[in-house]
Amino acid sequence: MATHLRIAPLTATPLVDPAAIREVLSARCGAGNGVEHLRVRAGPHGVDIVAFVDTDDIDEAGHALRRLVETTIVDIVWLRSWRVV
């Protein structure tokens, strides 16, 4: 199931390379969370993240991606000023 969310910094910060965000998120994908393929793109209002999640339930797909992203934000120092918007 495909799902999407957007993250943005809470404060004025230099733009983070979307490839770096994809790299840290991809390293955390796997059987434990069901998140498979990721696409990350910077836009004018933040960074959009699209993922394919191994589930037939759209709500569970969204929750799985959100858990992955929020955990990564907490764990990665240079993302700590970012939030799901």
PDB file of N, CA and C in Angstrom:
ATOM      1  N   MET A   1       0.846  -1.162   0.000  1.00  0.00           N
ATOM      2  CA  MET A   1       0.000   0.000   0.000  1.00  0.00           C
ATOM      3  C   MET A   1       0.901   1.238   0.000  1.00  0.00           C
ATOM      4  N   ALA A   2       0.578   2.212  -0.817  1.00  0.00           N
ATOM      5  CA  ALA A   2       1.342   3.462  -0.864  1.00  0.00           C
ATOM      6  C   ALA A   2       0.777   4.448   0.146  1.00  0.00           C
ATOM      7  N   THR A   3       1.677   5.213   0.748  1.00  0.00           N
ATOM      8  CA  THR A   3       1.271   6.250   1.690  1.00  0.00           C
ATOM      9  C   THR A   3       2.239   7.415   1.597  1.00  0.00           C
ATOM     10  N   HIS A   4       1.833   8.563   2.126  1.00  0.00           N
ATOM     11  CA  HIS A   4       2.604   9.795   1.975  1.00  0.00           C
ATOM     12  C   HIS A   4       2.513  10.621   3.240  1.00  0.00           C
ATOM     13  N   LEU A   5       3.600  11.330   3.540  1.00  0.00           N
ATOM     14  CA  LEU A   5       3.544  12.368   4.559  1.00  0.00           C
ATOM     15  C   LEU A   5       4.591  13.428   4.247  1.00  0.00           C
ATOM     16  N   ARG A   6       4.493  14.544   4.967  1.00  0.00           N
ATOM     17  CA  ARG A   6       5.414  15.671   4.759  1.00  0.00           C
ATOM     18  C   ARG A   6       6.046  16.017   6.092  1.00  0.00           C
ATOM     19  N   ILE A   7       7.342  16.329   6.038  1.00  0.00           N
ATOM     20  CA  ILE A   7       8.034  16.844   7.206  1.00  0.00           C
ATOM     21  C   ILE A   7       8.566  18.229   6.880  1.00  0.00           C
ATOM     22  N   ALA A   8       8.695  19.044   7.909  1.00  0.00           N
ATOM     23  CA  ALA A   8       9.213  20.400   7.737  1.00  0.00           C
ATOM     24  C   ALA A   8       9.910  20.806   9.034  1.00  0.00           C
ATOM     25  N   PRO A   9      10.882  21.712   8.931  1.00  0.00           N
ATOM     26  CA  PRO A   9      11.561  22.162  10.150  1.00  0.00           C
ATOM     27  C   PRO A   9      10.683  23.116  10.946  1.00  0.00           C
ATOM     28  N   LEU A  10      10.836  23.064  12.265  1.00  0.00           N
ATOM     29  CA  LEU A  10      10.104  23.979  13.136  1.00  0.00           C
ATOM     30  C   LEU A  10      10.731  25.362  13.147  1.00  0.00           C
ATOM     31  N   THR A  11      12.006  25.440  12.847  1.00  0.00           N
ATOM     32  CA  THR A  11      12.745  26.701  12.852  1.00  0.00           C
ATOM     33  C   THR A  11      13.409  26.889  11.502  1.00  0.00           C
ATOM     34  N   ALA A  12      13.876  28.094  11.257  1.00  0.00           N
ATOM     35  CA  ALA A  12      14.603  28.357  10.017  1.00  0.00           C
ATOM     36  C   ALA A  12      15.922  27.603  10.070  1.00  0.00           C
ATOM     37  N   THR A  13      16.026  26.593   9.228  1.00  0.00           N
ATOM     38  CA  THR A  13      17.243  25.790   9.165  1.00  0.00           C
ATOM     39  C   THR A  13      17.644  25.633   7.713  1.00  0.00           C
ATOM     40  N   PRO A  14      18.908  25.383   7.478  1.00  0.00           N
ATOM     41  CA  PRO A  14      19.310  25.116   6.097  1.00  0.00           C
ATOM     42  C   PRO A  14      18.584  23.875   5.576  1.00  0.00           C
ATOM     43  N   LEU A  15      18.263  23.884   4.313  1.00  0.00           N
ATOM     44  CA  LEU A  15      17.575  22.752   3.709  1.00  0.00           C
ATOM     45  C   LEU A  15      18.457  21.512   3.791  1.00  0.00           C
ATOM     46  N   VAL A  16      17.865  20.417   4.183  1.00  0.00           N
ATOM     47  CA  VAL A  16      18.561  19.141   4.256  1.00  0.00           C
ATOM     48  C   VAL A  16      18.417  18.443   2.916  1.00  0.00           C
ATOM     49  N   ASP A  17      19.481  17.828   2.458  1.00  0.00           N
ATOM     50  CA  ASP A  17      19.465  17.099   1.198  1.00  0.00           C
ATOM     51  C   ASP A  17      18.461  15.944   1.285  1.00  0.00           C
ATOM     52  N   PRO A  18      17.474  15.884   0.392  1.00  0.00           N
ATOM     53  CA  PRO A  18      16.489  14.803   0.434  1.00  0.00           C
ATOM     54  C   PRO A  18      17.137  13.419   0.336  1.00  0.00           C
ATOM     55  N   ALA A  19      18.254  13.325  -0.378  1.00  0.00           N
ATOM     56  CA  ALA A  19      18.943  12.038  -0.493  1.00  0.00           C
ATOM     57  C   ALA A  19      19.459  11.578   0.867  1.00  0.00           C
ATOM     58  N   ALA A  20      19.886  12.514   1.706  1.00  0.00           N
ATOM     59  CA  ALA A  20      20.356  12.161   3.048  1.00  0.00           C
ATOM     60  C   ALA A  20      19.197  11.659   3.909  1.00  0.00           C
ATOM     61  N   ILE A  21      18.039  12.284   3.769  1.00  0.00           N
ATOM     62  CA  ILE A  21      16.857  11.829   4.505  1.00  0.00           C
ATOM     63  C   ILE A  21      16.462  10.438   4.035  1.00  0.00           C
ATOM     64  N   ARG A  22      16.452  10.237   2.725  1.00  0.00           N
ATOM     65  CA  ARG A  22      16.111   8.915   2.179  1.00  0.00           C
ATOM     66  C   ARG A  22      17.087   7.859   2.681  1.00  0.00           C
ATOM     67  N   GLU A  23      18.353   8.198   2.746  1.00  0.00           N
ATOM     68  CA  GLU A  23      19.366   7.243   3.195  1.00  0.00           C
ATOM     69  C   GLU A  23      19.125   6.794   4.640  1.00  0.00           C
ATOM     70  N   VAL A  24      18.869   7.754   5.543  1.00  0.00           N
ATOM     71  CA  VAL A  24      18.660   7.362   6.942  1.00  0.00           C
ATOM     72  C   VAL A  24      17.340   6.613   7.121  1.00  0.00           C
ATOM     73  N   LEU A  25      16.310   6.985   6.371  1.00  0.00           N
ATOM     74  CA  LEU A  25      15.039   6.261   6.460  1.00  0.00           C
ATOM     75  C   LEU A  25      15.167   4.854   5.868  1.00  0.00           C
ATOM     76  N   SER A  26      15.826   4.752   4.730  1.00  0.00           N
ATOM     77  CA  SER A  26      15.984   3.444   4.071  1.00  0.00           C
ATOM     78  C   SER A  26      16.737   2.460   4.945  1.00  0.00           C
ATOM     79  N   ALA A  27      17.705   2.961   5.694  1.00  0.00           N
ATOM     80  CA  ALA A  27      18.483   2.086   6.575  1.00  0.00           C
ATOM     81  C   ALA A  27      17.620   1.485   7.672  1.00  0.00           C
ATOM     82  N   ARG A  28      16.480   2.089   7.949  1.00  0.00           N
ATOM     83  CA  ARG A  28      15.594   1.634   9.020  1.00  0.00           C
ATOM     84  C   ARG A  28      14.400   0.838   8.492  1.00  0.00           C
ATOM     85  N   CYS A  29      14.266   0.701   7.190  1.00  0.00           N
ATOM     86  CA  CYS A  29      13.161  -0.063   6.607  1.00  0.00           C
ATOM     87  C   CYS A  29      13.421  -1.549   6.775  1.00  0.00           C
ATOM     88  N   GLY A  30      12.346  -2.302   6.856  1.00  0.00           N
ATOM     89  CA  GLY A  30      12.527  -3.739   6.940  1.00  0.00           C
ATOM     90  C   GLY A  30      11.321  -4.470   7.455  1.00  0.00           C
ATOM     91  N   ALA A  31      11.535  -5.739   7.720  1.00  0.00           N
ATOM     92  CA  ALA A  31      10.450  -6.627   8.127  1.00  0.00           C
ATOM     93  C   ALA A  31       9.787  -6.178   9.427  1.00  0.00           C
ATOM     94  N   GLY A  32      10.537  -5.520  10.290  1.00  0.00           N
ATOM     95  CA  GLY A  32       9.982  -5.098  11.568  1.00  0.00           C
ATOM     96  C   GLY A  32       8.921  -4.030  11.463  1.00  0.00           C
ATOM     97  N   ASN A  33       8.974  -3.198  10.400  1.00  0.00           N
ATOM     98  CA  ASN A  33       8.000  -2.109  10.288  1.00  0.00           C
ATOM     99  C   ASN A  33       7.176  -2.178   9.009  1.00  0.00           C
ATOM    100  N   GLY A  34       7.523  -3.046   8.094  1.00  0.00           N
ATOM    101  CA  GLY A  34       6.761  -3.218   6.865  1.00  0.00           C
ATOM    102  C   GLY A  34       7.000  -2.171   5.797  1.00  0.00           C
ATOM    103  N   VAL A  35       7.786  -1.140   6.104  1.00  0.00           N
ATOM    104  CA  VAL A  35       8.055  -0.092   5.120  1.00  0.00           C
ATOM    105  C   VAL A  35       9.071  -0.615   4.118  1.00  0.00           C
ATOM    106  N   GLU A  36       8.740  -0.522   2.842  1.00  0.00           N
ATOM    107  CA  GLU A  36       9.606  -1.060   1.806  1.00  0.00           C
ATOM    108  C   GLU A  36      10.265   0.049   1.001  1.00  0.00           C
ATOM    109  N   HIS A  37       9.725   0.410  -0.112  1.00  0.00           N
ATOM    110  CA  HIS A  37      10.337   1.391  -1.003  1.00  0.00           C
ATOM    111  C   HIS A  37      10.005   2.813  -0.566  1.00  0.00           C
ATOM    112  N   LEU A  38      10.999   3.711  -0.655  1.00  0.00           N
ATOM    113  CA  LEU A  38      10.820   5.110  -0.263  1.00  0.00           C
ATOM    114  C   LEU A  38      11.195   6.042  -1.401  1.00  0.00           C
ATOM    115  N   ARG A  39      10.492   7.152  -1.480  1.00  0.00           N
ATOM    116  CA  ARG A  39      10.849   8.269  -2.351  1.00  0.00           C
ATOM    117  C   ARG A  39      10.792   9.513  -1.485  1.00  0.00           C
ATOM    118  N   VAL A  40      11.773  10.382  -1.640  1.00  0.00           N
ATOM    119  CA  VAL A  40      11.847  11.606  -0.836  1.00  0.00           C
ATOM    120  C   VAL A  40      12.113  12.759  -1.782  1.00  0.00           C
ATOM    121  N   ARG A  41      11.317  13.828  -1.652  1.00  0.00           N
ATOM    122  CA  ARG A  41      11.470  14.990  -2.529  1.00  0.00           C
ATOM    123  C   ARG A  41      11.260  16.271  -1.738  1.00  0.00           C
ATOM    124  N   ALA A  42      12.182  17.207  -1.917  1.00  0.00           N
ATOM    125  CA  ALA A  42      12.049  18.517  -1.275  1.00  0.00           C
ATOM    126  C   ALA A  42      11.097  19.375  -2.087  1.00  0.00           C
ATOM    127  N   GLY A  43      10.272  20.128  -1.385  1.00  0.00           N
ATOM    128  CA  GLY A  43       9.347  21.047  -2.025  1.00  0.00           C
ATOM    129  C   GLY A  43       9.354  22.359  -1.288  1.00  0.00           C
ATOM    130  N   PRO A  44       8.517  23.285  -1.695  1.00  0.00           N
ATOM    131  CA  PRO A  44       8.514  24.612  -1.078  1.00  0.00           C
ATOM    132  C   PRO A  44       8.010  24.628   0.363  1.00  0.00           C
ATOM    133  N   HIS A  45       7.309  23.574   0.778  1.00  0.00           N
ATOM    134  CA  HIS A  45       6.726  23.563   2.119  1.00  0.00           C
ATOM    135  C   HIS A  45       7.286  22.459   3.011  1.00  0.00           C
ATOM    136  N   GLY A  46       8.409  21.886   2.616  1.00  0.00           N
ATOM    137  CA  GLY A  46       9.013  20.820   3.405  1.00  0.00           C
ATOM    138  C   GLY A  46       9.519  19.713   2.515  1.00  0.00           C
ATOM    139  N   VAL A  47       9.566  18.535   3.069  1.00  0.00           N
ATOM    140  CA  VAL A  47      10.051  17.356   2.350  1.00  0.00           C
ATOM    141  C   VAL A  47       8.930  16.324   2.331  1.00  0.00           C
ATOM    142  N   ASP A  48       8.577  15.874   1.135  1.00  0.00           N
ATOM    143  CA  ASP A  48       7.543  14.856   0.975  1.00  0.00           C
ATOM    144  C   ASP A  48       8.188  13.481   0.958  1.00  0.00           C
ATOM    145  N   ILE A  49       7.566  12.548   1.678  1.00  0.00           N
ATOM    146  CA  ILE A  49       8.051  11.177   1.753  1.00  0.00           C
ATOM    147  C   ILE A  49       6.920  10.263   1.312  1.00  0.00           C
ATOM    148  N   VAL A  50       7.181   9.457   0.305  1.00  0.00           N
ATOM    149  CA  VAL A  50       6.221   8.475  -0.195  1.00  0.00           C
ATOM    150  C   VAL A  50       6.832   7.105   0.053  1.00  0.00           C
ATOM    151  N   ALA A  51       6.027   6.188   0.575  1.00  0.00           N
ATOM    152  CA  ALA A  51       6.527   4.848   0.863  1.00  0.00           C
ATOM    153  C   ALA A  51       5.514   3.792   0.458  1.00  0.00           C
ATOM    154  N   PHE A  52       6.031   2.640   0.125  1.00  0.00           N
ATOM    155  CA  PHE A  52       5.200   1.460  -0.053  1.00  0.00           C
ATOM    156  C   PHE A  52       5.373   0.613   1.194  1.00  0.00           C
ATOM    157  N   VAL A  53       4.248   0.252   1.793  1.00  0.00           N
ATOM    158  CA  VAL A  53       4.242  -0.489   3.050  1.00  0.00           C
ATOM    159  C   VAL A  53       3.559  -1.835   2.814  1.00  0.00           C
ATOM    160  N   ASP A  54       4.123  -2.884   3.378  1.00  0.00           N
ATOM    161  CA  ASP A  54       3.609  -4.239   3.204  1.00  0.00           C
ATOM    162  C   ASP A  54       2.375  -4.454   4.083  1.00  0.00           C
ATOM    163  N   THR A  55       1.238  -3.955   3.593  1.00  0.00           N
ATOM    164  CA  THR A  55      -0.053  -4.127   4.264  1.00  0.00           C
ATOM    165  C   THR A  55      -1.164  -3.848   3.254  1.00  0.00           C
ATOM    166  N   ASP A  56      -2.330  -4.356   3.531  1.00  0.00           N
ATOM    167  CA  ASP A  56      -3.506  -4.063   2.697  1.00  0.00           C
ATOM    168  C   ASP A  56      -4.366  -2.976   3.312  1.00  0.00           C
ATOM    169  N   ASP A  57      -3.964  -2.480   4.463  1.00  0.00           N
ATOM    170  CA  ASP A  57      -4.748  -1.500   5.221  1.00  0.00           C
ATOM    171  C   ASP A  57      -4.119  -0.115   5.089  1.00  0.00           C
ATOM    172  N   ILE A  58      -4.813   0.824   4.470  1.00  0.00           N
ATOM    173  CA  ILE A  58      -4.281   2.167   4.232  1.00  0.00           C
ATOM    174  C   ILE A  58      -3.953   2.888   5.540  1.00  0.00           C
ATOM    175  N   ASP A  59      -4.772   2.693   6.572  1.00  0.00           N
ATOM    176  CA  ASP A  59      -4.495   3.339   7.853  1.00  0.00           C
ATOM    177  C   ASP A  59      -3.218   2.791   8.478  1.00  0.00           C
ATOM    178  N   GLU A  60      -3.043   1.488   8.440  1.00  0.00           N
ATOM    179  CA  GLU A  60      -1.833   0.881   8.991  1.00  0.00           C
ATOM    180  C   GLU A  60      -0.598   1.322   8.200  1.00  0.00           C
ATOM    181  N   ALA A  61      -0.739   1.480   6.897  1.00  0.00           N
ATOM    182  CA  ALA A  61       0.388   1.958   6.089  1.00  0.00           C
ATOM    183  C   ALA A  61       0.807   3.353   6.548  1.00  0.00           C
ATOM    184  N   GLY A  62      -0.146   4.229   6.739  1.00  0.00           N
ATOM    185  CA  GLY A  62       0.153   5.579   7.207  1.00  0.00           C
ATOM    186  C   GLY A  62       0.789   5.587   8.580  1.00  0.00           C
ATOM    187  N   HIS A  63       0.273   4.757   9.483  1.00  0.00           N
ATOM    188  CA  HIS A  63       0.835   4.678  10.842  1.00  0.00           C
ATOM    189  C   HIS A  63       2.268   4.138  10.811  1.00  0.00           C
ATOM    190  N   ALA A  64       2.512   3.141   9.966  1.00  0.00           N
ATOM    191  CA  ALA A  64       3.859   2.554   9.881  1.00  0.00           C
ATOM    192  C   ALA A  64       4.867   3.583   9.396  1.00  0.00           C
ATOM    193  N   LEU A  65       4.512   4.345   8.362  1.00  0.00           N
ATOM    194  CA  LEU A  65       5.427   5.369   7.865  1.00  0.00           C
ATOM    195  C   LEU A  65       5.630   6.454   8.907  1.00  0.00           C
ATOM    196  N   ARG A  66       4.580   6.879   9.543  1.00  0.00           N
ATOM    197  CA  ARG A  66       4.688   7.926  10.562  1.00  0.00           C
ATOM    198  C   ARG A  66       5.590   7.481  11.716  1.00  0.00           C
ATOM    199  N   ARG A  67       5.421   6.235  12.184  1.00  0.00           N
ATOM    200  CA  ARG A  67       6.282   5.713  13.262  1.00  0.00           C
ATOM    201  C   ARG A  67       7.745   5.717  12.828  1.00  0.00           C
ATOM    202  N   LEU A  68       8.004   5.267  11.604  1.00  0.00           N
ATOM    203  CA  LEU A  68       9.377   5.236  11.093  1.00  0.00           C
ATOM    204  C   LEU A  68       9.974   6.637  11.058  1.00  0.00           C
ATOM    205  N   VAL A  69       9.230   7.592  10.508  1.00  0.00           N
ATOM    206  CA  VAL A  69       9.727   8.960  10.373  1.00  0.00           C
ATOM    207  C   VAL A  69       9.913   9.615  11.741  1.00  0.00           C
ATOM    208  N   GLU A  70       8.946   9.490  12.620  1.00  0.00           N
ATOM    209  CA  GLU A  70       9.065  10.135  13.934  1.00  0.00           C
ATOM    210  C   GLU A  70      10.208   9.550  14.753  1.00  0.00           C
ATOM    211  N   THR A  71      10.415   8.254  14.692  1.00  0.00           N
ATOM    212  CA  THR A  71      11.542   7.627  15.390  1.00  0.00           C
ATOM    213  C   THR A  71      12.867   8.111  14.818  1.00  0.00           C
ATOM    214  N   THR A  72      12.933   8.236  13.510  1.00  0.00           N
ATOM    215  CA  THR A  72      14.154   8.703  12.858  1.00  0.00           C
ATOM    216  C   THR A  72      14.441  10.145  13.239  1.00  0.00           C
ATOM    217  N   ILE A  73      13.427  10.991  13.281  1.00  0.00           N
ATOM    218  CA  ILE A  73      13.608  12.392  13.673  1.00  0.00           C
ATOM    219  C   ILE A  73      14.198  12.481  15.078  1.00  0.00           C
ATOM    220  N   VAL A  74      13.717  11.660  15.979  1.00  0.00           N
ATOM    221  CA  VAL A  74      14.217  11.674  17.359  1.00  0.00           C
ATOM    222  C   VAL A  74      15.669  11.189  17.423  1.00  0.00           C
ATOM    223  N   ASP A  75      15.996  10.182  16.635  1.00  0.00           N
ATOM    224  CA  ASP A  75      17.312   9.545  16.715  1.00  0.00           C
ATOM    225  C   ASP A  75      18.418  10.266  15.950  1.00  0.00           C
ATOM    226  N   ILE A  76      18.073  11.027  14.930  1.00  0.00           N
ATOM    227  CA  ILE A  76      19.084  11.660  14.063  1.00  0.00           C
ATOM    228  C   ILE A  76      19.194  13.136  14.438  1.00  0.00           C
ATOM    229  N   VAL A  77      20.359  13.526  14.915  1.00  0.00           N
ATOM    230  CA  VAL A  77      20.571  14.876  15.454  1.00  0.00           C
ATOM    231  C   VAL A  77      20.162  15.959  14.463  1.00  0.00           C
ATOM    232  N   TRP A  78      20.568  15.855  13.220  1.00  0.00           N
ATOM    233  CA  TRP A  78      20.300  16.927  12.256  1.00  0.00           C
ATOM    234  C   TRP A  78      18.850  16.971  11.785  1.00  0.00           C
ATOM    235  N   LEU A  79      18.011  16.061  12.263  1.00  0.00           N
ATOM    236  CA  LEU A  79      16.572  16.102  11.958  1.00  0.00           C
ATOM    237  C   LEU A  79      15.724  16.501  13.154  1.00  0.00           C
ATOM    238  N   ARG A  80      16.310  16.725  14.290  1.00  0.00           N
ATOM    239  CA  ARG A  80      15.536  16.945  15.512  1.00  0.00           C
ATOM    240  C   ARG A  80      14.656  18.189  15.488  1.00  0.00           C
ATOM    241  N   SER A  81      14.962  19.148  14.644  1.00  0.00           N
ATOM    242  CA  SER A  81      14.098  20.341  14.569  1.00  0.00           C
ATOM    243  C   SER A  81      12.970  20.151  13.547  1.00  0.00           C
ATOM    244  N   TRP A  82      12.856  18.970  12.952  1.00  0.00           N
ATOM    245  CA  TRP A  82      11.832  18.675  11.964  1.00  0.00           C
ATOM    246  C   TRP A  82      10.662  17.957  12.612  1.00  0.00           C
ATOM    247  N   ARG A  83       9.464  18.097  12.018  1.00  0.00           N
ATOM    248  CA  ARG A  83       8.262  17.412  12.486  1.00  0.00           C
ATOM    249  C   ARG A  83       7.398  17.002  11.298  1.00  0.00           C
ATOM    250  N   VAL A  84       6.562  16.019  11.515  1.00  0.00           N
ATOM    251  CA  VAL A  84       5.542  15.661  10.533  1.00  0.00           C
ATOM    252  C   VAL A  84       4.503  16.772  10.553  1.00  0.00           C
ATOM    253  N   VAL A  85       4.165  17.287   9.380  1.00  0.00           N
ATOM    254  CA  VAL A  85       3.187  18.369   9.287  1.00  0.00           C
ATOM    255  C   VAL A  85       1.968  17.927   8.499  1.00  0.00           C
TER     256      VAL A  85
END
